Amino acid sequence: SAIGTLVERSTRFTLLLHLPPMPGHGAGPRKKNGPALAAHGAEAVRDAITKSIQTVPKHLCKSLTWDQGAEMAQHEQLKE
């Protein structure tokens, strides 16, 4: 497993996200351009953010900035 972080910029309020391994990770040989090496794909990140952000006060949730890593490939679904 791994930990992701969300940090509110002005107050530095920090939220830690538990990122469980993807199902089936490590069960077979590694494929070139296959799943993330750490087994924490976009689905796990999306689900962790969705679950955790509900506990944050609304005034701290005005925007979300992310890097360009593959783990944020499903960022559009966070709007829903």
PDB file of N, CA and C in Angstrom:
ATOM      1  N   SER A   1       0.835  -1.182   0.000  1.00  0.00           N
ATOM      2  CA  SER A   1       0.000   0.000   0.000  1.00  0.00           C
ATOM      3  C   SER A   1       0.877   1.241   0.000  1.00  0.00           C
ATOM      4  N   ALA A   2       0.256   2.377  -0.195  1.00  0.00           N
ATOM      5  CA  ALA A   2       0.979   3.649  -0.244  1.00  0.00           C
ATOM      6  C   ALA A   2       0.088   4.741   0.335  1.00  0.00           C
ATOM      7  N   ILE A   3       0.657   5.930   0.456  1.00  0.00           N
ATOM      8  CA  ILE A   3      -0.079   7.084   0.967  1.00  0.00           C
ATOM      9  C   ILE A   3       0.008   8.207  -0.059  1.00  0.00           C
ATOM     10  N   GLY A   4      -1.138   8.802  -0.358  1.00  0.00           N
ATOM     11  CA  GLY A   4      -1.187   9.999  -1.178  1.00  0.00           C
ATOM     12  C   GLY A   4      -1.463  11.183  -0.266  1.00  0.00           C
ATOM     13  N   THR A   5      -1.170  12.384  -0.734  1.00  0.00           N
ATOM     14  CA  THR A   5      -1.413  13.570   0.084  1.00  0.00           C
ATOM     15  C   THR A   5      -2.197  14.615  -0.703  1.00  0.00           C
ATOM     16  N   LEU A   6      -3.102  15.287  -0.003  1.00  0.00           N
ATOM     17  CA  LEU A   6      -3.783  16.473  -0.505  1.00  0.00           C
ATOM     18  C   LEU A   6      -3.467  17.578   0.491  1.00  0.00           C
ATOM     19  N   VAL A   7      -2.968  18.709   0.009  1.00  0.00           N
ATOM     20  CA  VAL A   7      -2.589  19.816   0.889  1.00  0.00           C
ATOM     21  C   VAL A   7      -3.296  21.083   0.425  1.00  0.00           C
ATOM     22  N   GLU A   8      -4.043  21.709   1.332  1.00  0.00           N
ATOM     23  CA  GLU A   8      -4.690  22.985   1.048  1.00  0.00           C
ATOM     24  C   GLU A   8      -3.612  24.057   1.150  1.00  0.00           C
ATOM     25  N   ARG A   9      -3.472  24.871   0.134  1.00  0.00           N
ATOM     26  CA  ARG A   9      -2.319  25.766   0.030  1.00  0.00           C
ATOM     27  C   ARG A   9      -2.245  26.877   1.075  1.00  0.00           C
ATOM     28  N   SER A  10      -3.344  27.534   1.393  1.00  0.00           N
ATOM     29  CA  SER A  10      -3.248  28.676   2.302  1.00  0.00           C
ATOM     30  C   SER A  10      -3.148  28.271   3.769  1.00  0.00           C
ATOM     31  N   THR A  11      -3.849  27.226   4.176  1.00  0.00           N
ATOM     32  CA  THR A  11      -3.815  26.815   5.587  1.00  0.00           C
ATOM     33  C   THR A  11      -2.854  25.660   5.843  1.00  0.00           C
ATOM     34  N   ARG A  12      -2.407  25.014   4.775  1.00  0.00           N
ATOM     35  CA  ARG A  12      -1.537  23.824   4.852  1.00  0.00           C
ATOM     36  C   ARG A  12      -2.251  22.628   5.488  1.00  0.00           C
ATOM     37  N   PHE A  13      -3.577  22.674   5.508  1.00  0.00           N
ATOM     38  CA  PHE A  13      -4.356  21.526   5.974  1.00  0.00           C
ATOM     39  C   PHE A  13      -3.984  20.346   5.085  1.00  0.00           C
ATOM     40  N   THR A  14      -3.594  19.239   5.691  1.00  0.00           N
ATOM     41  CA  THR A  14      -3.114  18.080   4.944  1.00  0.00           C
ATOM     42  C   THR A  14      -4.011  16.876   5.184  1.00  0.00           C
ATOM     43  N   LEU A  15      -4.349  16.212   4.108  1.00  0.00           N
ATOM     44  CA  LEU A  15      -5.177  15.020   4.157  1.00  0.00           C
ATOM     45  C   LEU A  15      -4.364  13.868   3.576  1.00  0.00           C
ATOM     46  N   LEU A  16      -4.233  12.786   4.330  1.00  0.00           N
ATOM     47  CA  LEU A  16      -3.507  11.606   3.863  1.00  0.00           C
ATOM     48  C   LEU A  16      -4.498  10.611   3.274  1.00  0.00           C
ATOM     49  N   LEU A  17      -4.140  10.049   2.122  1.00  0.00           N
ATOM     50  CA  LEU A  17      -5.006   9.106   1.424  1.00  0.00           C
ATOM     51  C   LEU A  17      -4.371   7.727   1.424  1.00  0.00           C
ATOM     52  N   HIS A  18      -5.112   6.724   1.843  1.00  0.00           N
ATOM     53  CA  HIS A  18      -4.630   5.348   1.755  1.00  0.00           C
ATOM     54  C   HIS A  18      -4.834   4.861   0.325  1.00  0.00           C
ATOM     55  N   LEU A  19      -3.765   4.369  -0.299  1.00  0.00           N
ATOM     56  CA  LEU A  19      -3.836   3.861  -1.665  1.00  0.00           C
ATOM     57  C   LEU A  19      -3.524   2.366  -1.657  1.00  0.00           C
ATOM     58  N   PRO A  20      -4.549   1.524  -1.689  1.00  0.00           N
ATOM     59  CA  PRO A  20      -4.319   0.080  -1.691  1.00  0.00           C
ATOM     60  C   PRO A  20      -3.789  -0.382  -3.046  1.00  0.00           C
ATOM     61  N   PRO A  21      -3.089  -1.518  -3.088  1.00  0.00           N
ATOM     62  CA  PRO A  21      -2.619  -2.049  -4.376  1.00  0.00           C
ATOM     63  C   PRO A  21      -3.802  -2.400  -5.284  1.00  0.00           C
ATOM     64  N   MET A  22      -3.580  -2.306  -6.586  1.00  0.00           N
ATOM     65  CA  MET A  22      -4.614  -2.681  -7.537  1.00  0.00           C
ATOM     66  C   MET A  22      -4.814  -4.189  -7.500  1.00  0.00           C
ATOM     67  N   PRO A  23      -6.043  -4.665  -7.712  1.00  0.00           N
ATOM     68  CA  PRO A  23      -6.284  -6.109  -7.733  1.00  0.00           C
ATOM     69  C   PRO A  23      -5.424  -6.793  -8.791  1.00  0.00           C
ATOM     70  N   GLY A  24      -4.801  -7.893  -8.423  1.00  0.00           N
ATOM     71  CA  GLY A  24      -3.999  -8.674  -9.354  1.00  0.00           C
ATOM     72  C   GLY A  24      -2.586  -8.175  -9.563  1.00  0.00           C
ATOM     73  N   HIS A  25      -2.201  -7.092  -8.905  1.00  0.00           N
ATOM     74  CA  HIS A  25      -0.844  -6.579  -9.098  1.00  0.00           C
ATOM     75  C   HIS A  25       0.177  -7.583  -8.587  1.00  0.00           C
ATOM     76  N   GLY A  26       1.181  -7.835  -9.383  1.00  0.00           N
ATOM     77  CA  GLY A  26       2.247  -8.751  -9.002  1.00  0.00           C
ATOM     78  C   GLY A  26       1.922 -10.212  -9.250  1.00  0.00           C
ATOM     79  N   ALA A  27       0.747 -10.497  -9.816  1.00  0.00           N
ATOM     80  CA  ALA A  27       0.346 -11.884 -10.041  1.00  0.00           C
ATOM     81  C   ALA A  27       1.042 -12.500 -11.246  1.00  0.00           C
ATOM     82  N   GLY A  28       1.533 -11.698 -12.150  1.00  0.00           N
ATOM     83  CA  GLY A  28       2.173 -12.218 -13.354  1.00  0.00           C
ATOM     84  C   GLY A  28       3.396 -11.400 -13.706  1.00  0.00           C
ATOM     85  N   PRO A  29       4.020 -11.718 -14.837  1.00  0.00           N
ATOM     86  CA  PRO A  29       5.203 -10.951 -15.251  1.00  0.00           C
ATOM     87  C   PRO A  29       4.835  -9.516 -15.615  1.00  0.00           C
ATOM     88  N   ARG A  30       5.761  -8.618 -15.403  1.00  0.00           N
ATOM     89  CA  ARG A  30       5.557  -7.196 -15.693  1.00  0.00           C
ATOM     90  C   ARG A  30       5.530  -6.964 -17.191  1.00  0.00           C
ATOM     91  N   LYS A  31       4.511  -6.217 -17.684  1.00  0.00           N
ATOM     92  CA  LYS A  31       4.401  -5.873 -19.094  1.00  0.00           C
ATOM     93  C   LYS A  31       4.941  -4.469 -19.317  1.00  0.00           C
ATOM     94  N   LYS A  32       5.630  -4.287 -20.440  1.00  0.00           N
ATOM     95  CA  LYS A  32       6.074  -2.946 -20.801  1.00  0.00           C
ATOM     96  C   LYS A  32       4.836  -2.079 -21.033  1.00  0.00           C
ATOM     97  N   ASN A  33       4.839  -0.880 -20.467  1.00  0.00           N
ATOM     98  CA  ASN A  33       3.706   0.049 -20.537  1.00  0.00           C
ATOM     99  C   ASN A  33       2.445  -0.528 -19.905  1.00  0.00           C
ATOM    100  N   GLY A  34       2.620  -1.416 -18.937  1.00  0.00           N
ATOM    101  CA  GLY A  34       1.493  -2.007 -18.225  1.00  0.00           C
ATOM    102  C   GLY A  34       1.100  -1.155 -17.034  1.00  0.00           C
ATOM    103  N   PRO A  35       0.485  -1.766 -16.017  1.00  0.00           N
ATOM    104  CA  PRO A  35       0.044  -1.019 -14.839  1.00  0.00           C
ATOM    105  C   PRO A  35       1.208  -0.339 -14.120  1.00  0.00           C
ATOM    106  N   ALA A  36       0.870   0.624 -13.305  1.00  0.00           N
ATOM    107  CA  ALA A  36       1.878   1.366 -12.548  1.00  0.00           C
ATOM    108  C   ALA A  36       2.750   0.414 -11.741  1.00  0.00           C
ATOM    109  N   LEU A  37       4.043   0.711 -11.659  1.00  0.00           N
ATOM    110  CA  LEU A  37       4.972  -0.149 -10.923  1.00  0.00           C
ATOM    111  C   LEU A  37       4.576  -0.319  -9.472  1.00  0.00           C
ATOM    112  N   ALA A  38       4.090   0.730  -8.865  1.00  0.00           N
ATOM    113  CA  ALA A  38       3.731   0.664  -7.448  1.00  0.00           C
ATOM    114  C   ALA A  38       2.331   0.096  -7.230  1.00  0.00           C
ATOM    115  N   ALA A  39       1.641  -0.214  -8.311  1.00  0.00           N
ATOM    116  CA  ALA A  39       0.305  -0.813  -8.245  1.00  0.00           C
ATOM    117  C   ALA A  39      -0.750   0.124  -7.688  1.00  0.00           C
ATOM    118  N   HIS A  40      -0.557   1.402  -7.848  1.00  0.00           N
ATOM    119  CA  HIS A  40      -1.543   2.376  -7.377  1.00  0.00           C
ATOM    120  C   HIS A  40      -1.987   3.192  -8.577  1.00  0.00           C
ATOM    121  N   GLY A  41      -2.958   2.671  -9.284  1.00  0.00           N
ATOM    122  CA  GLY A  41      -3.400   3.288 -10.521  1.00  0.00           C
ATOM    123  C   GLY A  41      -4.395   4.407 -10.323  1.00  0.00           C
ATOM    124  N   ALA A  42      -4.868   4.916 -11.451  1.00  0.00           N
ATOM    125  CA  ALA A  42      -5.789   6.048 -11.447  1.00  0.00           C
ATOM    126  C   ALA A  42      -7.078   5.740 -10.694  1.00  0.00           C
ATOM    127  N   GLU A  43      -7.547   4.503 -10.775  1.00  0.00           N
ATOM    128  CA  GLU A  43      -8.789   4.142 -10.084  1.00  0.00           C
ATOM    129  C   GLU A  43      -8.625   4.246  -8.571  1.00  0.00           C
ATOM    130  N   ALA A  44      -7.509   3.739  -8.056  1.00  0.00           N
ATOM    131  CA  ALA A  44      -7.264   3.789  -6.609  1.00  0.00           C
ATOM    132  C   ALA A  44      -7.148   5.228  -6.120  1.00  0.00           C
ATOM    133  N   VAL A  45      -6.463   6.062  -6.894  1.00  0.00           N
ATOM    134  CA  VAL A  45      -6.304   7.472  -6.508  1.00  0.00           C
ATOM    135  C   VAL A  45      -7.649   8.182  -6.549  1.00  0.00           C
ATOM    136  N   ARG A  46      -8.404   7.976  -7.623  1.00  0.00           N
ATOM    137  CA  ARG A  46      -9.736   8.594  -7.737  1.00  0.00           C
ATOM    138  C   ARG A  46     -10.631   8.196  -6.571  1.00  0.00           C
ATOM    139  N   ASP A  47     -10.667   6.902  -6.266  1.00  0.00           N
ATOM    140  CA  ASP A  47     -11.522   6.415  -5.182  1.00  0.00           C
ATOM    141  C   ASP A  47     -11.088   6.963  -3.827  1.00  0.00           C
ATOM    142  N   ALA A  48      -9.776   7.042  -3.592  1.00  0.00           N
ATOM    143  CA  ALA A  48      -9.272   7.556  -2.314  1.00  0.00           C
ATOM    144  C   ALA A  48      -9.601   9.036  -2.146  1.00  0.00           C
ATOM    145  N   ILE A  49      -9.438   9.818  -3.211  1.00  0.00           N
ATOM    146  CA  ILE A  49      -9.761  11.244  -3.132  1.00  0.00           C
ATOM    147  C   ILE A  49     -11.258  11.428  -2.900  1.00  0.00           C
ATOM    148  N   THR A  50     -12.076  10.700  -3.645  1.00  0.00           N
ATOM    149  CA  THR A  50     -13.530  10.816  -3.512  1.00  0.00           C
ATOM    150  C   THR A  50     -13.978  10.507  -2.093  1.00  0.00           C
ATOM    151  N   LYS A  51     -13.433   9.457  -1.510  1.00  0.00           N
ATOM    152  CA  LYS A  51     -13.813   9.056  -0.150  1.00  0.00           C
ATOM    153  C   LYS A  51     -13.339  10.080   0.886  1.00  0.00           C
ATOM    154  N   SER A  52     -12.105  10.525   0.769  1.00  0.00           N
ATOM    155  CA  SER A  52     -11.508  11.395   1.783  1.00  0.00           C
ATOM    156  C   SER A  52     -11.972  12.842   1.705  1.00  0.00           C
ATOM    157  N   ILE A  53     -12.211  13.343   0.509  1.00  0.00           N
ATOM    158  CA  ILE A  53     -12.548  14.760   0.350  1.00  0.00           C
ATOM    159  C   ILE A  53     -13.897  15.092   0.990  1.00  0.00           C
ATOM    160  N   GLN A  54     -14.738  14.088   1.193  1.00  0.00           N
ATOM    161  CA  GLN A  54     -16.047  14.314   1.805  1.00  0.00           C
ATOM    162  C   GLN A  54     -15.939  14.726   3.267  1.00  0.00           C
ATOM    163  N   THR A  55     -14.789  14.498   3.890  1.00  0.00           N
ATOM    164  CA  THR A  55     -14.594  14.859   5.297  1.00  0.00           C
ATOM    165  C   THR A  55     -14.020  16.263   5.469  1.00  0.00           C
ATOM    166  N   VAL A  56     -13.673  16.906   4.369  1.00  0.00           N
ATOM    167  CA  VAL A  56     -13.029  18.221   4.412  1.00  0.00           C
ATOM    168  C   VAL A  56     -14.094  19.316   4.366  1.00  0.00           C
ATOM    169  N   PRO A  57     -13.964  20.361   5.193  1.00  0.00           N
ATOM    170  CA  PRO A  57     -14.918  21.478   5.144  1.00  0.00           C
ATOM    171  C   PRO A  57     -14.983  22.087   3.736  1.00  0.00           C
ATOM    172  N   LYS A  58     -16.175  22.472   3.322  1.00  0.00           N
ATOM    173  CA  LYS A  58     -16.396  22.983   1.959  1.00  0.00           C
ATOM    174  C   LYS A  58     -15.520  24.185   1.619  1.00  0.00           C
ATOM    175  N   HIS A  59     -15.244  25.053   2.598  1.00  0.00           N
ATOM    176  CA  HIS A  59     -14.446  26.245   2.293  1.00  0.00           C
ATOM    177  C   HIS A  59     -12.989  25.912   1.975  1.00  0.00           C
ATOM    178  N   LEU A  60     -12.567  24.683   2.219  1.00  0.00           N
ATOM    179  CA  LEU A  60     -11.209  24.259   1.872  1.00  0.00           C
ATOM    180  C   LEU A  60     -11.168  23.483   0.557  1.00  0.00           C
ATOM    181  N   CYS A  61     -12.305  23.334  -0.099  1.00  0.00           N
ATOM    182  CA  CYS A  61     -12.393  22.507  -1.312  1.00  0.00           C
ATOM    183  C   CYS A  61     -12.756  23.319  -2.549  1.00  0.00           C
ATOM    184  N   LYS A  62     -12.115  24.431  -2.755  1.00  0.00           N
ATOM    185  CA  LYS A  62     -12.463  25.262  -3.901  1.00  0.00           C
ATOM    186  C   LYS A  62     -11.800  24.800  -5.190  1.00  0.00           C
ATOM    187  N   SER A  63     -10.623  24.208  -5.097  1.00  0.00           N
ATOM    188  CA  SER A  63      -9.941  23.739  -6.300  1.00  0.00           C
ATOM    189  C   SER A  63      -9.007  22.590  -5.943  1.00  0.00           C
ATOM    190  N   LEU A  64      -8.578  21.888  -6.979  1.00  0.00           N
ATOM    191  CA  LEU A  64      -7.647  20.781  -6.811  1.00  0.00           C
ATOM    192  C   LEU A  64      -6.627  20.869  -7.933  1.00  0.00           C
ATOM    193  N   THR A  65      -5.362  20.916  -7.587  1.00  0.00           N
ATOM    194  CA  THR A  65      -4.285  20.967  -8.563  1.00  0.00           C
ATOM    195  C   THR A  65      -3.518  19.663  -8.477  1.00  0.00           C
ATOM    196  N   TRP A  66      -3.197  19.082  -9.601  1.00  0.00           N
ATOM    197  CA  TRP A  66      -2.490  17.804  -9.602  1.00  0.00           C
ATOM    198  C   TRP A  66      -1.344  17.853 -10.587  1.00  0.00           C
ATOM    199  N   ASP A  67      -0.445  16.879 -10.460  1.00  0.00           N
ATOM    200  CA  ASP A  67       0.646  16.786 -11.421  1.00  0.00           C
ATOM    201  C   ASP A  67       0.158  16.009 -12.644  1.00  0.00           C
ATOM    202  N   GLN A  68       1.038  15.766 -13.578  1.00  0.00           N
ATOM    203  CA  GLN A  68       0.651  15.119 -14.826  1.00  0.00           C
ATOM    204  C   GLN A  68       0.890  13.609 -14.824  1.00  0.00           C
ATOM    205  N   GLY A  69       1.036  13.016 -13.650  1.00  0.00           N
ATOM    206  CA  GLY A  69       1.265  11.581 -13.561  1.00  0.00           C
ATOM    207  C   GLY A  69       0.045  10.779 -13.996  1.00  0.00           C
ATOM    208  N   ALA A  70       0.287   9.545 -14.409  1.00  0.00           N
ATOM    209  CA  ALA A  70      -0.786   8.663 -14.879  1.00  0.00           C
ATOM    210  C   ALA A  70      -1.797   8.357 -13.783  1.00  0.00           C
ATOM    211  N   GLU A  71      -1.389   8.480 -12.515  1.00  0.00           N
ATOM    212  CA  GLU A  71      -2.308   8.180 -11.418  1.00  0.00           C
ATOM    213  C   GLU A  71      -3.465   9.172 -11.343  1.00  0.00           C
ATOM    214  N   MET A  72      -3.347  10.316 -12.008  1.00  0.00           N
ATOM    215  CA  MET A  72      -4.437  11.305 -12.022  1.00  0.00           C
ATOM    216  C   MET A  72      -5.211  11.285 -13.338  1.00  0.00           C
ATOM    217  N   ALA A  73      -5.110  10.205 -14.085  1.00  0.00           N
ATOM    218  CA  ALA A  73      -5.766  10.103 -15.388  1.00  0.00           C
ATOM    219  C   ALA A  73      -7.284  10.206 -15.294  1.00  0.00           C
ATOM    220  N   GLN A  74      -7.864   9.913 -14.152  1.00  0.00           N
ATOM    221  CA  GLN A  74      -9.323   9.961 -14.011  1.00  0.00           C
ATOM    222  C   GLN A  74      -9.788  11.190 -13.230  1.00  0.00           C
ATOM    223  N   HIS A  75      -9.020  12.259 -13.286  1.00  0.00           N
ATOM    224  CA  HIS A  75      -9.357  13.475 -12.536  1.00  0.00           C
ATOM    225  C   HIS A  75     -10.696  14.065 -12.944  1.00  0.00           C
ATOM    226  N   GLU A  76     -11.104  13.913 -14.192  1.00  0.00           N
ATOM    227  CA  GLU A  76     -12.386  14.465 -14.647  1.00  0.00           C
ATOM    228  C   GLU A  76     -13.559  13.861 -13.877  1.00  0.00           C
ATOM    229  N   GLN A  77     -13.434  12.616 -13.442  1.00  0.00           N
ATOM    230  CA  GLN A  77     -14.520  11.954 -12.728  1.00  0.00           C
ATOM    231  C   GLN A  77     -14.694  12.490 -11.308  1.00  0.00           C
ATOM    232  N   LEU A  78     -13.733  13.234 -10.804  1.00  0.00           N
ATOM    233  CA  LEU A  78     -13.849  13.800  -9.458  1.00  0.00           C
ATOM    234  C   LEU A  78     -14.895  14.907  -9.395  1.00  0.00           C
ATOM    235  N   LYS A  79     -15.224  15.502 -10.511  1.00  0.00           N
ATOM    236  CA  LYS A  79     -16.219  16.574 -10.548  1.00  0.00           C
ATOM    237  C   LYS A  79     -17.618  16.062 -10.254  1.00  0.00           C
ATOM    238  N   GLU A  80     -17.855  14.796 -10.510  1.00  0.00           N
ATOM    239  CA  GLU A  80     -19.199  14.215 -10.385  1.00  0.00           C
ATOM    240  C   GLU A  80     -19.629  14.025  -8.962  1.00  0.00           C
TER     241      GLU A  80
END
